[in-house]
């Protein structure tokens, strides 16, 4: 029933040459693409320049994600390209010069005004931080603290008898995986939130070890659970 099903297709382009020929209304790119602008003349079409010297409206909105990552030497290099792009985005069609509005997201607001000014040369007084700092620490605009609610429950596992942390993970994850299948529920909708386990890792090495545990150790220990608990039905595979 989707509008784009059948003979229709999603209006998406991922090849640079096709994007230059038909500039999209929304463009998602990375910093390395900025470095290609002096070398590839096709990029001029993204800023409203056409081959017949006709100029159409340039981009009027720039959304910069992960601004906190653009710091140090990387920020110094990106700043040069940002000045160039901001100049190319200025609209001079109606006798007045209008620059693009820039919206950025960042994980920290520390010295945000100084960083934005160094990147865009916009002046610290022209920067507005949204949402503004709230009076109550429990209200961050995006979420608020409900003190009447019981809150989230955390459970800690103390397993000094196991020889390693991997052994503890195998035991715990196997029990949680089978527990979602064995839980007695009135409706299957109650079981849905527990099908998936969120597992955090500190490195790619730990991620690789976990993949091995899932393929071998966890599957084998779930067989042990079935035999020990006498589980014949509702087995989690």
C-alpha atoms as a PDB file:
ATOM      1  CA  UNK A   1       0.000   0.000   0.000  1.00  0.00           C
ATOM      2  CA  UNK A   2       3.040   2.292   0.040  1.00  0.00           C
ATOM      3  CA  UNK A   3       2.948   5.120  -2.504  1.00  0.00           C
ATOM      4  CA  UNK A   4       6.376   4.078  -3.804  1.00  0.00           C
ATOM      5  CA  UNK A   5       5.494   0.416  -4.291  1.00  0.00           C
ATOM      6  CA  UNK A   6       5.139  -1.169  -7.706  1.00  0.00           C
ATOM      7  CA  UNK A   7       6.548   0.819 -10.612  1.00  0.00           C
ATOM      8  CA  UNK A   8       7.262   3.907  -8.527  1.00  0.00           C
ATOM      9  CA  UNK A   9      10.645   4.374  -6.918  1.00  0.00           C
ATOM     10  CA  UNK A  10      12.004   6.370  -4.005  1.00  0.00           C
ATOM     11  CA  UNK A  11      13.245   9.790  -5.183  1.00  0.00           C
ATOM     12  CA  UNK A  12      16.774   9.167  -3.884  1.00  0.00           C
ATOM     13  CA  UNK A  13      20.117   9.609  -5.627  1.00  0.00           C
ATOM     14  CA  UNK A  14      23.414   8.282  -4.261  1.00  0.00           C
ATOM     15  CA  UNK A  15      25.744   8.795  -7.251  1.00  0.00           C
ATOM     16  CA  UNK A  16      27.586  12.128  -7.332  1.00  0.00           C
ATOM     17  CA  UNK A  17      27.205  12.686 -11.078  1.00  0.00           C
ATOM     18  CA  UNK A  18      23.441  12.161 -10.941  1.00  0.00           C
ATOM     19  CA  UNK A  19      23.155  14.527  -7.969  1.00  0.00           C
ATOM     20  CA  UNK A  20      25.019  17.239  -9.883  1.00  0.00           C
ATOM     21  CA  UNK A  21      22.768  16.809 -12.924  1.00  0.00           C
ATOM     22  CA  UNK A  22      19.553  16.970 -10.888  1.00  0.00           C
ATOM     23  CA  UNK A  23      20.225  18.749  -7.577  1.00  0.00           C
ATOM     24  CA  UNK A  24      17.919  17.412  -4.839  1.00  0.00           C
ATOM     25  CA  UNK A  25      15.838  19.429  -2.416  1.00  0.00           C
ATOM     26  CA  UNK A  26      17.656  17.796   0.504  1.00  0.00           C
ATOM     27  CA  UNK A  27      21.341  16.874   0.375  1.00  0.00           C
ATOM     28  CA  UNK A  28      23.176  14.732   2.932  1.00  0.00           C
ATOM     29  CA  UNK A  29      26.962  14.814   2.721  1.00  0.00           C
ATOM     30  CA  UNK A  30      30.210  14.476   4.655  1.00  0.00           C
ATOM     31  CA  UNK A  31      33.158  16.783   5.128  1.00  0.00           C
ATOM     32  CA  UNK A  32      35.284  14.994   2.526  1.00  0.00           C
ATOM     33  CA  UNK A  33      32.762  16.033  -0.134  1.00  0.00           C
ATOM     34  CA  UNK A  34      33.492  19.667   0.715  1.00  0.00           C
ATOM     35  CA  UNK A  35      37.111  19.110  -0.276  1.00  0.00           C
ATOM     36  CA  UNK A  36      35.979  18.038  -3.765  1.00  0.00           C
ATOM     37  CA  UNK A  37      34.339  21.372  -4.580  1.00  0.00           C
ATOM     38  CA  UNK A  38      37.515  23.081  -5.937  1.00  0.00           C
ATOM     39  CA  UNK A  39      38.279  20.048  -8.100  1.00  0.00           C
ATOM     40  CA  UNK A  40      34.843  19.141  -9.430  1.00  0.00           C
ATOM     41  CA  UNK A  41      32.989  21.873 -11.290  1.00  0.00           C
ATOM     42  CA  UNK A  42      29.786  19.833 -11.180  1.00  0.00           C
ATOM     43  CA  UNK A  43      29.335  20.872  -7.554  1.00  0.00           C
ATOM     44  CA  UNK A  44      28.362  24.393  -8.665  1.00  0.00           C
ATOM     45  CA  UNK A  45      24.875  23.149  -9.518  1.00  0.00           C
ATOM     46  CA  UNK A  46      24.231  22.430  -5.845  1.00  0.00           C
ATOM     47  CA  UNK A  47      24.480  26.160  -5.130  1.00  0.00           C
ATOM     48  CA  UNK A  48      22.123  27.336  -7.849  1.00  0.00           C
ATOM     49  CA  UNK A  49      24.597  27.846 -10.721  1.00  0.00           C
ATOM     50  CA  UNK A  50      23.564  26.442 -14.071  1.00  0.00           C
ATOM     51  CA  UNK A  51      25.541  25.853 -17.275  1.00  0.00           C
ATOM     52  CA  UNK A  52      23.779  28.712 -19.077  1.00  0.00           C
ATOM     53  CA  UNK A  53      24.984  31.153 -16.381  1.00  0.00           C
ATOM     54  CA  UNK A  54      21.475  31.289 -15.012  1.00  0.00           C
ATOM     55  CA  UNK A  55      21.342  31.438 -11.212  1.00  0.00           C
ATOM     56  CA  UNK A  56      18.515  29.924  -9.212  1.00  0.00           C
ATOM     57  CA  UNK A  57      17.981  30.103  -5.489  1.00  0.00           C
ATOM     58  CA  UNK A  58      20.865  28.554  -3.525  1.00  0.00           C
ATOM     59  CA  UNK A  59      20.340  26.434  -0.382  1.00  0.00           C
ATOM     60  CA  UNK A  60      18.705  28.464   2.377  1.00  0.00           C
ATOM     61  CA  UNK A  61      19.111  26.006   5.260  1.00  0.00           C
ATOM     62  CA  UNK A  62      22.195  24.143   6.502  1.00  0.00           C
ATOM     63  CA  UNK A  63      21.848  21.460   9.167  1.00  0.00           C
ATOM     64  CA  UNK A  64      25.161  20.524  10.754  1.00  0.00           C
ATOM     65  CA  UNK A  65      25.120  17.334  12.780  1.00  0.00           C
ATOM     66  CA  UNK A  66      27.640  16.352  15.468  1.00  0.00           C
ATOM     67  CA  UNK A  67      29.120  19.831  15.779  1.00  0.00           C
ATOM     68  CA  UNK A  68      31.126  18.830  18.869  1.00  0.00           C
ATOM     69  CA  UNK A  69      33.250  16.516  16.688  1.00  0.00           C
ATOM     70  CA  UNK A  70      34.497  19.436  14.597  1.00  0.00           C
ATOM     71  CA  UNK A  71      37.221  20.710  16.890  1.00  0.00           C
ATOM     72  CA  UNK A  72      40.991  21.104  16.907  1.00  0.00           C
ATOM     73  CA  UNK A  73      42.812  20.674  13.579  1.00  0.00           C
ATOM     74  CA  UNK A  74      39.694  19.217  11.945  1.00  0.00           C
ATOM     75  CA  UNK A  75      37.688  22.293  12.899  1.00  0.00           C
ATOM     76  CA  UNK A  76      40.382  24.562  11.473  1.00  0.00           C
ATOM     77  CA  UNK A  77      40.215  22.786   8.117  1.00  0.00           C
ATOM     78  CA  UNK A  78      36.422  22.575   8.055  1.00  0.00           C
ATOM     79  CA  UNK A  79      36.218  26.282   8.866  1.00  0.00           C
ATOM     80  CA  UNK A  80      37.791  27.150   5.513  1.00  0.00           C
ATOM     81  CA  UNK A  81      35.179  25.143   3.635  1.00  0.00           C
ATOM     82  CA  UNK A  82      32.335  26.451   5.779  1.00  0.00           C
ATOM     83  CA  UNK A  83      33.215  30.031   4.825  1.00  0.00           C
ATOM     84  CA  UNK A  84      33.242  29.049   1.146  1.00  0.00           C
ATOM     85  CA  UNK A  85      29.930  27.200   1.343  1.00  0.00           C
ATOM     86  CA  UNK A  86      28.289  29.976   3.301  1.00  0.00           C
ATOM     87  CA  UNK A  87      29.339  32.478   0.612  1.00  0.00           C
ATOM     88  CA  UNK A  88      28.020  30.236  -2.163  1.00  0.00           C
ATOM     89  CA  UNK A  89      24.708  29.909  -0.335  1.00  0.00           C
ATOM     90  CA  UNK A  90      24.115  33.657  -0.198  1.00  0.00           C
ATOM     91  CA  UNK A  91      21.051  34.686  -2.147  1.00  0.00           C
ATOM     92  CA  UNK A  92      21.684  37.841  -4.185  1.00  0.00           C
ATOM     93  CA  UNK A  93      18.735  37.559  -6.560  1.00  0.00           C
ATOM     94  CA  UNK A  94      16.435  40.202  -5.089  1.00  0.00           C
ATOM     95  CA  UNK A  95      18.876  43.031  -4.601  1.00  0.00           C
ATOM     96  CA  UNK A  96      19.511  42.063  -0.987  1.00  0.00           C
ATOM     97  CA  UNK A  97      21.943  39.507   0.312  1.00  0.00           C
ATOM     98  CA  UNK A  98      20.517  36.751   2.471  1.00  0.00           C
ATOM     99  CA  UNK A  99      22.689  34.115   3.995  1.00  0.00           C
ATOM    100  CA  UNK A 100      21.533  30.613   4.889  1.00  0.00           C
ATOM    101  CA  UNK A 101      20.134  29.749   8.276  1.00  0.00           C
ATOM    102  CA  UNK A 102      22.399  27.279  10.049  1.00  0.00           C
ATOM    103  CA  UNK A 103      21.084  24.781  12.606  1.00  0.00           C
ATOM    104  CA  UNK A 104      23.564  22.580  14.424  1.00  0.00           C
ATOM    105  CA  UNK A 105      23.250  19.779  16.931  1.00  0.00           C
ATOM    106  CA  UNK A 106      25.880  19.038  19.516  1.00  0.00           C
ATOM    107  CA  UNK A 107      26.383  16.794  22.515  1.00  0.00           C
ATOM    108  CA  UNK A 108      27.823  19.631  24.581  1.00  0.00           C
ATOM    109  CA  UNK A 109      26.971  23.301  24.881  1.00  0.00           C
ATOM    110  CA  UNK A 110      30.275  24.267  26.474  1.00  0.00           C
ATOM    111  CA  UNK A 111      31.695  27.273  24.587  1.00  0.00           C
ATOM    112  CA  UNK A 112      29.195  26.704  21.788  1.00  0.00           C
ATOM    113  CA  UNK A 113      29.134  30.388  20.901  1.00  0.00           C
ATOM    114  CA  UNK A 114      32.893  30.574  20.470  1.00  0.00           C
ATOM    115  CA  UNK A 115      33.019  27.395  18.397  1.00  0.00           C
ATOM    116  CA  UNK A 116      30.199  28.490  16.088  1.00  0.00           C
ATOM    117  CA  UNK A 117      31.789  31.900  15.601  1.00  0.00           C
ATOM    118  CA  UNK A 118      35.151  30.321  14.732  1.00  0.00           C
ATOM    119  CA  UNK A 119      33.486  28.023  12.186  1.00  0.00           C
ATOM    120  CA  UNK A 120      30.994  30.377  10.563  1.00  0.00           C
ATOM    121  CA  UNK A 121      32.287  33.874  11.466  1.00  0.00           C
ATOM    122  CA  UNK A 122      28.751  34.719  12.493  1.00  0.00           C
ATOM    123  CA  UNK A 123      29.420  36.612  15.711  1.00  0.00           C
ATOM    124  CA  UNK A 124      28.762  35.241  19.183  1.00  0.00           C
ATOM    125  CA  UNK A 125      25.759  37.546  19.597  1.00  0.00           C
ATOM    126  CA  UNK A 126      23.989  35.904  16.630  1.00  0.00           C
ATOM    127  CA  UNK A 127      23.954  32.433  18.169  1.00  0.00           C
ATOM    128  CA  UNK A 128      20.881  31.110  19.936  1.00  0.00           C
ATOM    129  CA  UNK A 129      21.069  27.910  21.966  1.00  0.00           C
ATOM    130  CA  UNK A 130      17.914  25.828  21.910  1.00  0.00           C
ATOM    131  CA  UNK A 131      16.474  24.704  24.154  1.00  0.00           C
ATOM    132  CA  UNK A 132      17.618  27.339  26.647  1.00  0.00           C
ATOM    133  CA  UNK A 133      18.778  26.258  30.055  1.00  0.00           C
ATOM    134  CA  UNK A 134      15.840  25.420  32.297  1.00  0.00           C
ATOM    135  CA  UNK A 135      15.382  26.511  35.874  1.00  0.00           C
ATOM    136  CA  UNK A 136      14.602  23.009  37.120  1.00  0.00           C
ATOM    137  CA  UNK A 137      17.284  20.356  36.512  1.00  0.00           C
ATOM    138  CA  UNK A 138      14.566  17.737  36.161  1.00  0.00           C
ATOM    139  CA  UNK A 139      13.055  19.533  33.152  1.00  0.00           C
ATOM    140  CA  UNK A 140      15.261  19.499  30.043  1.00  0.00           C
ATOM    141  CA  UNK A 141      12.531  20.459  27.525  1.00  0.00           C
ATOM    142  CA  UNK A 142      12.872  17.030  25.858  1.00  0.00           C
ATOM    143  CA  UNK A 143      12.002  15.129  29.035  1.00  0.00           C
ATOM    144  CA  UNK A 144      10.874  15.843  32.558  1.00  0.00           C
ATOM    145  CA  UNK A 145      11.229  13.961  35.811  1.00  0.00           C
ATOM    146  CA  UNK A 146       8.053  12.348  37.123  1.00  0.00           C
ATOM    147  CA  UNK A 147       8.686  12.093  40.848  1.00  0.00           C
ATOM    148  CA  UNK A 148       5.422  10.239  41.439  1.00  0.00           C
ATOM    149  CA  UNK A 149       6.445   7.325  39.248  1.00  0.00           C
ATOM    150  CA  UNK A 150       8.305   4.343  40.692  1.00  0.00           C
ATOM    151  CA  UNK A 151      11.102   4.874  38.184  1.00  0.00           C
ATOM    152  CA  UNK A 152      13.344   2.394  36.456  1.00  0.00           C
ATOM    153  CA  UNK A 153      14.502  -0.736  38.247  1.00  0.00           C
ATOM    154  CA  UNK A 154      18.111  -1.901  37.972  1.00  0.00           C
ATOM    155  CA  UNK A 155      19.350  -5.374  38.865  1.00  0.00           C
ATOM    156  CA  UNK A 156      22.974  -6.219  39.580  1.00  0.00           C
ATOM    157  CA  UNK A 157      24.466  -9.689  39.162  1.00  0.00           C
ATOM    158  CA  UNK A 158      27.127 -10.798  41.652  1.00  0.00           C
ATOM    159  CA  UNK A 159      28.723 -13.999  40.385  1.00  0.00           C
ATOM    160  CA  UNK A 160      32.129 -14.563  42.051  1.00  0.00           C
ATOM    161  CA  UNK A 161      31.846 -18.315  41.478  1.00  0.00           C
ATOM    162  CA  UNK A 162      32.123 -18.038  37.716  1.00  0.00           C
ATOM    163  CA  UNK A 163      35.643 -18.265  36.262  1.00  0.00           C
ATOM    164  CA  UNK A 164      35.284 -15.298  33.870  1.00  0.00           C
ATOM    165  CA  UNK A 165      33.066 -12.460  32.779  1.00  0.00           C
ATOM    166  CA  UNK A 166      32.240 -14.270  29.560  1.00  0.00           C
ATOM    167  CA  UNK A 167      30.859 -17.198  31.544  1.00  0.00           C
ATOM    168  CA  UNK A 168      28.638 -14.810  33.491  1.00  0.00           C
ATOM    169  CA  UNK A 169      27.402 -13.255  30.258  1.00  0.00           C
ATOM    170  CA  UNK A 170      26.545 -16.653  28.795  1.00  0.00           C
ATOM    171  CA  UNK A 171      24.532 -17.636  31.884  1.00  0.00           C
ATOM    172  CA  UNK A 172      22.682 -14.316  32.160  1.00  0.00           C
ATOM    173  CA  UNK A 173      21.906 -13.814  28.482  1.00  0.00           C
ATOM    174  CA  UNK A 174      20.722 -17.396  28.046  1.00  0.00           C
ATOM    175  CA  UNK A 175      18.341 -17.013  30.975  1.00  0.00           C
ATOM    176  CA  UNK A 176      17.008 -13.690  29.703  1.00  0.00           C
ATOM    177  CA  UNK A 177      16.503 -14.998  26.171  1.00  0.00           C
ATOM    178  CA  UNK A 178      14.589 -18.046  27.340  1.00  0.00           C
ATOM    179  CA  UNK A 179      12.753 -16.025  29.993  1.00  0.00           C
ATOM    180  CA  UNK A 180      11.053 -13.909  27.346  1.00  0.00           C
ATOM    181  CA  UNK A 181       9.661 -17.077  25.767  1.00  0.00           C
ATOM    182  CA  UNK A 182       8.710 -18.791  29.020  1.00  0.00           C
ATOM    183  CA  UNK A 183       7.016 -15.802  30.650  1.00  0.00           C
ATOM    184  CA  UNK A 184       3.310 -16.235  31.261  1.00  0.00           C
ATOM    185  CA  UNK A 185       1.424 -13.368  29.609  1.00  0.00           C
ATOM    186  CA  UNK A 186      -2.211 -12.635  28.920  1.00  0.00           C
ATOM    187  CA  UNK A 187      -1.487 -11.083  25.545  1.00  0.00           C
ATOM    188  CA  UNK A 188       1.522 -11.438  23.255  1.00  0.00           C
ATOM    189  CA  UNK A 189       1.803  -7.652  23.208  1.00  0.00           C
ATOM    190  CA  UNK A 190       3.075  -7.875  26.786  1.00  0.00           C
ATOM    191  CA  UNK A 191       5.916 -10.110  25.618  1.00  0.00           C
ATOM    192  CA  UNK A 192       7.013  -7.961  22.675  1.00  0.00           C
ATOM    193  CA  UNK A 193       9.249  -5.496  24.590  1.00  0.00           C
ATOM    194  CA  UNK A 194      11.371  -8.354  25.946  1.00  0.00           C
ATOM    195  CA  UNK A 195      12.282 -10.155  22.733  1.00  0.00           C
ATOM    196  CA  UNK A 196      15.350  -8.030  22.118  1.00  0.00           C
ATOM    197  CA  UNK A 197      18.315  -7.672  24.457  1.00  0.00           C
ATOM    198  CA  UNK A 198      20.491  -4.561  24.341  1.00  0.00           C
ATOM    199  CA  UNK A 199      24.121  -5.468  24.866  1.00  0.00           C
ATOM    200  CA  UNK A 200      26.826  -2.800  25.146  1.00  0.00           C
ATOM    201  CA  UNK A 201      30.490  -3.237  24.267  1.00  0.00           C
ATOM    202  CA  UNK A 202      33.579  -1.162  24.935  1.00  0.00           C
ATOM    203  CA  UNK A 203      35.523  -2.235  21.850  1.00  0.00           C
ATOM    204  CA  UNK A 204      35.236  -4.096  18.553  1.00  0.00           C
ATOM    205  CA  UNK A 205      37.175  -6.934  20.135  1.00  0.00           C
ATOM    206  CA  UNK A 206      34.465  -7.435  22.730  1.00  0.00           C
ATOM    207  CA  UNK A 207      31.856  -7.296  19.975  1.00  0.00           C
ATOM    208  CA  UNK A 208      33.640 -10.066  18.098  1.00  0.00           C
ATOM    209  CA  UNK A 209      33.819 -12.187  21.236  1.00  0.00           C
ATOM    210  CA  UNK A 210      30.097 -11.693  21.798  1.00  0.00           C
ATOM    211  CA  UNK A 211      29.334 -12.869  18.259  1.00  0.00           C
ATOM    212  CA  UNK A 212      31.227 -16.071  19.019  1.00  0.00           C
ATOM    213  CA  UNK A 213      29.307 -16.530  22.272  1.00  0.00           C
ATOM    214  CA  UNK A 214      25.965 -16.191  20.476  1.00  0.00           C
ATOM    215  CA  UNK A 215      26.848 -18.744  17.811  1.00  0.00           C
ATOM    216  CA  UNK A 216      28.308 -21.320  20.202  1.00  0.00           C
ATOM    217  CA  UNK A 217      28.256 -20.934  23.990  1.00  0.00           C
ATOM    218  CA  UNK A 218      24.829 -19.347  24.412  1.00  0.00           C
ATOM    219  CA  UNK A 219      23.146 -21.839  22.104  1.00  0.00           C
ATOM    220  CA  UNK A 220      24.758 -24.743  23.951  1.00  0.00           C
ATOM    221  CA  UNK A 221      23.851 -23.400  27.387  1.00  0.00           C
ATOM    222  CA  UNK A 222      20.228 -22.906  26.360  1.00  0.00           C
ATOM    223  CA  UNK A 223      20.131 -26.655  25.724  1.00  0.00           C
ATOM    224  CA  UNK A 224      21.331 -27.109  29.296  1.00  0.00           C
ATOM    225  CA  UNK A 225      18.535 -24.832  30.517  1.00  0.00           C
ATOM    226  CA  UNK A 226      15.914 -26.872  28.690  1.00  0.00           C
ATOM    227  CA  UNK A 227      17.161 -30.128  30.246  1.00  0.00           C
ATOM    228  CA  UNK A 228      17.623 -28.671  33.736  1.00  0.00           C
ATOM    229  CA  UNK A 229      14.258 -26.896  33.830  1.00  0.00           C
ATOM    230  CA  UNK A 230      12.413 -29.573  31.909  1.00  0.00           C
ATOM    231  CA  UNK A 231      11.393 -27.119  29.177  1.00  0.00           C
ATOM    232  CA  UNK A 232       9.794 -29.041  26.344  1.00  0.00           C
ATOM    233  CA  UNK A 233       7.539 -26.328  24.975  1.00  0.00           C
ATOM    234  CA  UNK A 234       8.131 -22.639  24.340  1.00  0.00           C
ATOM    235  CA  UNK A 235      11.805 -23.147  23.665  1.00  0.00           C
ATOM    236  CA  UNK A 236      13.720 -20.083  22.493  1.00  0.00           C
ATOM    237  CA  UNK A 237      15.947 -20.861  19.526  1.00  0.00           C
END
